């Protein structure tokens, strides 16, 4: 069966992923994924930090089945009950005043960039430049790829969207030097995910907030990967003692159903007026139902606290048991990067798959561990024990 699907993929699907891992899952429960041939794997990747409440959580399944039986989609031309309820919930849980819903993280980041530029357009100021960080990742549209501080994601697509400036993470002087009269916003991930789970320093994040306040600049935090409890706080910026003006979210928000959000303080949110921005699928009855159910599960099962507790335990166990093989183990909550001293990450991922464990690799040296937030200490122990044995036996 898998061979047939591989052949169909080769013949009909655009080759954007290259040769994929030869696995195809047909069922999932909790942190378990079942391959087409019945083999069960432990999922420590969660669809790249998406499946926050695990696979097939009964409450999420029930909510989605109920919604599907009634209504999938209308349009934001009309009022949508779930959309309004989700906007209320997110604004009440966070320091933000208004929400806008989209379908993907890139779309949310596009919305944030547009909102910041529109804010200054309304003020009659020629401010449009966006400062982002090297090694960042903000999406794969032309504009968000331009915002991304990694050349490999944008080189083939020139000419790129103008108005983006990149500086090094944690370089305050470089950041200050990049500020110009045209700077509209500074946009960062407080923990860079795609480049290997790299937290910014507290000092740097605090300086960004101060620089934005001093220079009338919008502070945008991209929490597409870090948001909704992943790091042991609802949003990762809470670890840094600051509040941005705009935050974006996606991945975990819908528990596996595509939905993204732009949340903003009132002063900047009011820059959008009717006709300035929109979406066909964003915030429809189904996706907002998924987000409401996911947030309800996270609250009832205390998964943000679980992420912090189990994530701290997990990281400590990794440091204790396999630290000898690593140059650094970093991250917060259930977002952990394991950087090996040697370029063995891809080989380790392959060996973990042989032991029925799924995890991601960043380049040749880094494992990216982003499991469902329902992970237990026993699950973490199983991962660490298997990884230790692999390192001792194979490397």
Protein backbone atom coordinates (compact mmCIF):
# COMPACT_ATOMS: atom_id res chain seq x y z
CA UNK A 1 0.00 0.00 0.00
CA UNK A 2 2.74 2.46 0.96
CA UNK A 3 4.62 1.81 -2.27
CA UNK A 4 1.51 2.76 -4.24
CA UNK A 5 1.13 6.02 -2.33
CA UNK A 6 4.83 6.83 -2.80
CA UNK A 7 4.42 6.30 -6.54
CA UNK A 8 1.32 8.51 -6.68
CA UNK A 9 3.14 11.20 -4.71
CA UNK A 10 6.10 11.01 -7.10
CA UNK A 11 3.88 11.25 -10.17
CA UNK A 12 1.36 13.88 -9.09
CA UNK A 13 2.56 15.92 -6.10
CA UNK A 14 4.95 18.86 -6.54
CA UNK A 15 8.32 17.82 -5.16
CA UNK A 16 8.63 20.39 -2.37
CA UNK A 17 9.42 17.90 0.41
CA UNK A 18 11.97 15.68 -1.34
CA UNK A 19 12.13 12.02 -0.34
CA UNK A 20 9.91 11.77 2.72
CA UNK A 21 10.29 9.44 5.67
CA UNK A 22 8.73 6.17 4.55
CA UNK A 23 5.89 6.20 7.03
CA UNK A 24 2.16 6.77 6.55
CA UNK A 25 -0.11 7.07 9.54
CA UNK A 26 -3.77 6.14 9.52
CA UNK A 27 -4.76 6.59 13.17
CA UNK A 28 -3.67 8.40 16.29
CA UNK A 29 -4.55 8.39 19.99
CA UNK A 30 -2.80 10.47 22.63
CA UNK A 31 0.90 10.57 21.76
CA UNK A 32 0.61 7.37 19.69
CA UNK A 33 0.44 7.26 15.90
CA UNK A 34 -0.40 4.02 14.09
CA UNK A 35 1.31 3.29 10.80
CA UNK A 36 -0.70 1.83 7.88
CA UNK A 37 0.65 -1.62 8.76
CA UNK A 38 -0.43 -1.42 12.41
CA UNK A 39 2.89 -0.46 14.00
CA UNK A 40 2.57 2.14 16.79
CA UNK A 41 4.98 5.07 17.14
CA UNK A 42 5.45 7.57 19.98
CA UNK A 43 5.01 11.08 18.61
CA UNK A 44 7.49 13.63 19.98
CA UNK A 45 7.06 15.94 16.97
CA UNK A 46 3.29 16.61 17.03
CA UNK A 47 3.11 17.53 13.37
CA UNK A 48 5.71 20.29 14.00
CA UNK A 49 4.24 21.52 17.30
CA UNK A 50 0.61 21.32 16.13
CA UNK A 51 -1.18 18.49 17.96
CA UNK A 52 -1.19 20.18 21.37
CA UNK A 53 -3.83 17.97 23.00
CA UNK A 54 -2.61 14.79 21.36
CA UNK A 55 -4.29 12.79 18.63
CA UNK A 56 -8.04 12.11 18.63
CA UNK A 57 -8.72 13.71 21.99
CA UNK A 58 -12.33 12.65 22.76
CA UNK A 59 -13.50 16.18 23.59
CA UNK A 60 -12.03 17.63 20.41
CA UNK A 61 -13.43 14.78 18.31
CA UNK A 62 -16.89 15.25 19.81
CA UNK A 63 -16.86 19.02 19.25
CA UNK A 64 -15.74 18.63 15.63
CA UNK A 65 -18.23 15.87 14.86
CA UNK A 66 -21.03 18.01 16.24
CA UNK A 67 -19.91 21.04 14.24
CA UNK A 68 -19.44 19.08 11.00
CA UNK A 69 -22.96 17.70 11.31
CA UNK A 70 -24.34 21.25 11.49
CA UNK A 71 -22.22 23.72 9.50
CA UNK A 72 -18.74 23.83 8.00
CA UNK A 73 -18.50 27.25 6.41
CA UNK A 74 -20.39 30.42 5.68
CA UNK A 75 -18.40 33.60 5.25
CA UNK A 76 -17.34 36.49 7.39
CA UNK A 77 -19.86 38.51 5.43
CA UNK A 78 -22.17 37.13 8.12
CA UNK A 79 -21.69 36.90 11.88
CA UNK A 80 -20.16 33.63 13.09
CA UNK A 81 -20.90 32.59 16.66
CA UNK A 82 -17.75 30.53 17.22
CA UNK A 83 -15.61 33.29 15.74
CA UNK A 84 -16.95 35.87 18.20
CA UNK A 85 -16.65 33.46 21.14
CA UNK A 86 -13.05 32.60 20.25
CA UNK A 87 -12.09 36.27 19.87
CA UNK A 88 -13.60 36.96 23.29
CA UNK A 89 -11.79 33.99 24.88
CA UNK A 90 -8.38 34.87 23.49
CA UNK A 91 -8.67 38.53 24.41
CA UNK A 92 -9.82 37.70 27.92
CA UNK A 93 -6.95 35.23 28.42
CA UNK A 94 -4.28 37.65 27.16
CA UNK A 95 -3.34 41.34 27.37
CA UNK A 96 -4.75 42.02 23.88
CA UNK A 97 -7.92 43.78 22.84
CA UNK A 98 -8.80 42.54 19.35
CA UNK A 99 -8.38 39.36 17.31
CA UNK A 100 -8.33 38.45 13.63
CA UNK A 101 -8.36 34.86 12.39
CA UNK A 102 -6.58 33.34 9.42
CA UNK A 103 -5.67 29.81 8.33
CA UNK A 104 -1.87 29.60 8.58
CA UNK A 105 1.01 31.10 10.53
CA UNK A 106 2.37 32.80 7.42
CA UNK A 107 -1.02 34.39 6.83
CA UNK A 108 -1.13 35.61 10.44
CA UNK A 109 2.34 37.12 10.10
CA UNK A 110 1.33 38.81 6.83
CA UNK A 111 -1.63 40.28 8.70
CA UNK A 112 0.63 41.57 11.48
CA UNK A 113 3.00 43.18 8.98
CA UNK A 114 0.11 44.81 7.13
CA UNK A 115 -1.41 46.05 10.38
CA UNK A 116 1.84 47.70 11.52
CA UNK A 117 2.29 49.42 8.16
CA UNK A 118 -1.35 50.49 8.02
CA UNK A 119 -1.02 52.03 11.49
CA UNK A 120 1.62 54.48 10.26
CA UNK A 121 -0.12 55.00 6.91
CA UNK A 122 -3.16 56.22 8.85
CA UNK A 123 -0.94 58.60 10.78
CA UNK A 124 0.47 60.01 7.55
CA UNK A 125 3.98 58.80 8.42
CA UNK A 126 6.33 57.21 5.91
CA UNK A 127 7.26 54.30 8.17
CA UNK A 128 7.24 50.85 6.58
CA UNK A 129 10.51 49.07 7.41
CA UNK A 130 10.29 45.89 9.47
CA UNK A 131 13.34 44.71 11.42
CA UNK A 132 13.60 40.95 11.92
CA UNK A 133 16.36 38.63 13.10
CA UNK A 134 18.87 36.47 11.30
CA UNK A 135 18.08 32.73 11.68
CA UNK A 136 14.38 33.58 12.13
CA UNK A 137 11.48 31.90 10.34
CA UNK A 138 8.20 33.71 9.65
CA UNK A 139 6.61 31.80 6.76
CA UNK A 140 6.83 30.87 3.10
CA UNK A 141 4.84 33.54 1.28
CA UNK A 142 7.03 36.03 -0.59
CA UNK A 143 6.64 38.64 2.16
CA UNK A 144 7.09 36.32 5.13
CA UNK A 145 10.01 34.59 3.39
CA UNK A 146 11.56 38.05 3.01
CA UNK A 147 10.99 38.60 6.73
CA UNK A 148 12.67 35.27 7.46
CA UNK A 149 16.36 35.65 8.29
CA UNK A 150 17.53 32.60 6.34
CA UNK A 151 18.70 33.07 2.76
CA UNK A 152 17.76 29.55 1.66
CA UNK A 153 14.05 30.32 2.05
CA UNK A 154 14.06 33.40 -0.16
CA UNK A 155 16.96 33.37 -2.65
CA UNK A 156 14.96 31.86 -5.55
CA UNK A 157 12.09 34.33 -5.27
CA UNK A 158 13.68 37.69 -5.98
CA UNK A 159 12.71 40.43 -6.33
CA UNK A 160 11.56 40.23 -2.73
CA UNK A 161 9.18 42.46 -0.82
CA UNK A 162 11.08 45.66 0.00
CA UNK A 163 11.37 47.15 3.46
CA UNK A 164 12.91 44.36 5.57
CA UNK A 165 16.11 44.70 7.61
CA UNK A 166 17.82 41.83 9.43
CA UNK A 167 20.03 41.93 12.52
CA UNK A 168 21.61 39.27 14.71
CA UNK A 169 19.73 37.92 17.71
CA UNK A 170 20.82 39.39 21.05
CA UNK A 171 22.83 42.17 19.34
CA UNK A 172 21.44 45.31 20.97
CA UNK A 173 23.91 47.65 19.30
CA UNK A 174 23.20 46.12 15.90
CA UNK A 175 19.49 46.53 16.53
CA UNK A 176 19.86 50.17 17.54
CA UNK A 177 22.00 50.85 14.46
CA UNK A 178 19.27 49.37 12.23
CA UNK A 179 16.62 51.79 13.50
CA UNK A 180 15.77 54.49 10.98
CA UNK A 181 13.05 57.15 10.61
CA UNK A 182 11.25 54.60 8.40
CA UNK A 183 11.19 51.76 10.97
CA UNK A 184 7.59 50.67 11.54
CA UNK A 185 8.04 47.44 13.50
CA UNK A 186 10.43 44.98 15.08
CA UNK A 187 9.26 41.38 14.62
CA UNK A 188 10.84 38.47 16.49
CA UNK A 189 10.31 34.94 17.73
CA UNK A 190 11.33 35.05 21.39
CA UNK A 191 12.42 31.43 20.90
CA UNK A 192 13.56 30.75 17.34
CA UNK A 193 12.18 27.34 16.40
CA UNK A 194 13.14 26.56 12.82
CA UNK A 195 16.81 27.32 13.40
CA UNK A 196 17.12 24.98 16.37
CA UNK A 197 15.13 26.15 19.43
CA UNK A 198 17.16 29.26 20.26
CA UNK A 199 15.75 31.50 23.03
CA UNK A 200 16.54 35.20 22.92
CA UNK A 201 18.12 36.72 26.00
CA UNK A 202 15.92 38.51 28.52
CA UNK A 203 18.05 41.60 28.12
CA UNK A 204 17.58 41.69 24.35
CA UNK A 205 13.80 41.25 24.53
CA UNK A 206 13.56 43.97 27.18
CA UNK A 207 15.65 46.27 25.00
CA UNK A 208 13.34 45.67 22.04
CA UNK A 209 10.38 46.75 24.15
CA UNK A 210 12.27 49.88 25.30
CA UNK A 211 13.44 50.74 21.79
CA UNK A 212 9.90 50.41 20.44
CA UNK A 213 8.52 52.62 23.22
CA UNK A 214 11.18 55.26 22.69
CA UNK A 215 10.85 55.41 18.91
CA UNK A 216 7.12 54.86 18.27
CA UNK A 217 7.74 51.41 16.75
CA UNK A 218 5.34 48.45 16.81
CA UNK A 219 6.63 45.37 18.64
CA UNK A 220 5.43 42.13 16.98
CA UNK A 221 6.09 38.71 18.51
CA UNK A 222 5.66 35.69 16.23
CA UNK A 223 4.33 32.88 18.42
CA UNK A 224 3.20 30.60 15.61
CA UNK A 225 5.26 27.79 17.12
CA UNK A 226 5.72 28.89 20.73
CA UNK A 227 2.15 29.92 21.52
CA UNK A 228 -0.78 28.17 23.26
CA UNK A 229 1.16 26.61 26.12
CA UNK A 230 4.09 25.11 24.24
CA UNK A 231 6.76 26.71 26.45
CA UNK A 232 5.01 26.44 29.81
CA UNK A 233 3.28 29.80 29.47
CA UNK A 234 0.24 30.52 27.32
CA UNK A 235 2.49 32.76 25.23
CA UNK A 236 6.28 32.54 25.41
CA UNK A 237 6.69 36.32 25.71
CA UNK A 238 5.37 35.92 29.29
CA UNK A 239 8.73 34.39 30.24
CA UNK A 240 10.40 37.69 29.37
CA UNK A 241 8.28 40.10 31.39
CA UNK A 242 7.11 42.16 28.41
CA UNK A 243 3.92 42.55 26.37
CA UNK A 244 4.20 43.12 22.61
CA UNK A 245 1.77 45.27 20.63
CA UNK A 246 0.88 42.41 18.27
CA UNK A 247 1.26 38.65 18.67
CA UNK A 248 0.62 35.96 16.07
CA UNK A 249 -0.38 32.36 16.72
CA UNK A 250 -1.24 29.24 14.71
CA UNK A 251 0.01 25.61 14.88
CA UNK A 252 -1.37 24.43 18.27
CA UNK A 253 -4.38 26.76 18.30
CA UNK A 254 -6.72 24.37 16.48
CA UNK A 255 -5.34 21.11 17.83
CA UNK A 256 -4.67 19.97 14.26
CA UNK A 257 -7.35 21.92 12.37
CA UNK A 258 -5.81 24.86 10.46
CA UNK A 259 -6.39 28.18 12.20
CA UNK A 260 -4.21 31.18 12.99
CA UNK A 261 -4.71 34.38 14.93
CA UNK A 262 -3.45 37.94 15.03
CA UNK A 263 -4.00 39.52 18.46
CA UNK A 264 -3.33 43.23 18.96
CA UNK A 265 -3.63 46.08 21.41
CA UNK A 266 -6.48 48.45 20.61
CA UNK A 267 -4.33 51.39 19.54
CA UNK A 268 -2.84 49.42 16.62
CA UNK A 269 -5.79 47.08 15.95
CA UNK A 270 -7.95 50.11 15.17
CA UNK A 271 -5.73 50.84 12.15
CA UNK A 272 -7.62 48.18 10.20
CA UNK A 273 -10.90 49.52 8.84
CA UNK A 274 -13.45 47.75 6.61
CA UNK A 275 -11.84 46.53 3.39
CA UNK A 276 -8.23 46.76 4.62
CA UNK A 277 -7.79 43.06 5.22
CA UNK A 278 -9.75 39.84 4.90
CA UNK A 279 -9.82 36.09 4.45
CA UNK A 280 -12.14 33.47 2.99
CA UNK A 281 -11.53 30.55 5.34
CA UNK A 282 -10.07 32.24 8.41
CA UNK A 283 -12.31 32.05 11.46
CA UNK A 284 -14.98 29.86 9.87
CA UNK A 285 -17.35 27.78 12.06
CA UNK A 286 -15.23 24.62 11.90
CA UNK A 287 -11.79 26.06 12.62
CA UNK A 288 -13.01 28.27 15.45
CA UNK A 289 -14.91 25.31 16.93
CA UNK A 290 -11.61 23.39 16.93
CA UNK A 291 -9.80 26.25 18.64
CA UNK A 292 -12.49 26.69 21.28
CA UNK A 293 -12.42 22.96 22.06
CA UNK A 294 -8.61 22.88 22.13
CA UNK A 295 -8.42 25.83 24.52
CA UNK A 296 -11.07 24.26 26.73
CA UNK A 297 -9.07 21.01 26.94
CA UNK A 298 -5.86 22.90 27.69
CA UNK A 299 -7.59 24.74 30.54
CA UNK A 300 -9.42 21.75 32.04
CA UNK A 301 -6.38 19.47 31.91
CA UNK A 302 -3.91 22.15 33.04
CA UNK A 303 -1.73 21.49 30.02
CA UNK A 304 0.18 24.76 30.21
CA UNK A 305 1.37 23.82 33.71
CA UNK A 306 2.01 20.27 32.51
CA UNK A 307 4.15 21.61 29.69
CA UNK A 308 6.30 23.51 32.16
CA UNK A 309 6.56 20.68 34.69
CA UNK A 310 7.15 17.81 32.29
CA UNK A 311 9.26 19.94 29.97
CA UNK A 312 11.56 20.99 32.81
CA UNK A 313 11.86 17.36 33.95
CA UNK A 314 12.47 16.21 30.35
CA UNK A 315 15.22 18.78 29.75
CA UNK A 316 16.88 17.94 33.08
CA UNK A 317 16.86 14.22 32.27
CA UNK A 318 18.35 14.88 28.85
CA UNK A 319 21.11 16.99 30.40
CA UNK A 320 21.83 14.36 33.05
CA UNK A 321 21.78 11.31 30.78
CA UNK A 322 23.04 12.48 27.37
CA UNK A 323 24.63 15.85 28.14
CA UNK A 324 28.06 14.34 27.54
CA UNK A 325 27.26 14.04 23.82
CA UNK A 326 25.84 17.55 23.48
CA UNK A 327 27.20 21.05 23.08
CA UNK A 328 23.91 22.45 24.42
CA UNK A 329 20.39 21.41 25.42
CA UNK A 330 18.06 24.41 25.37
CA UNK A 331 14.44 25.48 25.33
CA UNK A 332 11.45 26.04 27.56
CA UNK A 333 8.54 23.77 28.42
CA UNK A 334 7.92 21.15 25.76
CA UNK A 335 10.01 22.93 23.15
CA UNK A 336 13.50 21.47 23.44
CA UNK A 337 16.52 21.59 21.19
CA UNK A 338 19.29 19.02 21.62
CA UNK A 339 22.48 20.11 19.89
CA UNK A 340 25.03 17.33 19.49
CA UNK A 341 28.78 17.89 19.41
CA UNK A 342 28.94 15.83 16.21
CA UNK A 343 26.80 15.99 13.01
CA UNK A 344 24.69 12.97 13.95
CA UNK A 345 21.18 14.41 14.29
CA UNK A 346 19.72 12.93 11.12
CA UNK A 347 21.22 9.53 11.87
CA UNK A 348 19.81 9.72 15.41
CA UNK A 349 16.35 10.56 14.04
CA UNK A 350 16.57 7.49 11.79
CA UNK A 351 17.57 5.27 14.71
CA UNK A 352 14.76 6.66 16.88
CA UNK A 353 12.30 5.80 14.09
CA UNK A 354 13.62 2.21 14.18
CA UNK A 355 12.66 2.28 17.88
CA UNK A 356 9.20 3.67 17.01
CA UNK A 357 9.86 7.23 18.20
CA UNK A 358 9.23 10.30 16.04
CA UNK A 359 11.20 13.52 16.42
CA UNK A 360 12.52 16.28 14.17
CA UNK A 361 16.01 17.33 13.09
CA UNK A 362 17.31 20.82 12.35
CA UNK A 363 20.33 20.54 10.11
CA UNK A 364 22.96 17.95 10.97
CA UNK A 365 23.42 18.59 14.68
CA UNK A 366 20.08 19.47 16.34
CA UNK A 367 17.07 17.44 17.44
CA UNK A 368 13.84 19.45 17.76
CA UNK A 369 11.51 17.94 20.37
CA UNK A 370 7.97 19.39 20.37
CA UNK A 371 5.58 16.66 21.60
CA UNK A 372 1.88 17.03 22.49
CA UNK A 373 1.34 18.97 25.70
CA UNK A 374 -0.23 15.87 27.29
CA UNK A 375 3.22 14.26 27.58
CA UNK A 376 3.96 12.53 30.90
CA UNK A 377 7.23 12.10 32.78
CA UNK A 378 7.04 8.39 31.96
CA UNK A 379 6.86 9.25 28.26
CA UNK A 380 9.90 11.50 28.68
CA UNK A 381 11.79 8.75 30.51
CA UNK A 382 11.08 6.33 27.66
CA UNK A 383 12.47 8.79 25.12
CA UNK A 384 15.59 9.59 27.15
CA UNK A 385 16.31 5.91 27.85
CA UNK A 386 16.00 4.97 24.19
CA UNK A 387 18.11 7.91 23.06
CA UNK A 388 20.81 7.07 25.60
CA UNK A 389 20.98 3.46 24.40
CA UNK A 390 21.19 4.60 20.77
CA UNK A 391 24.04 6.97 21.52
CA UNK A 392 25.96 4.33 23.49
CA UNK A 393 25.45 1.57 20.93
CA UNK A 394 25.68 3.47 17.64
CA UNK A 395 27.71 6.63 18.19
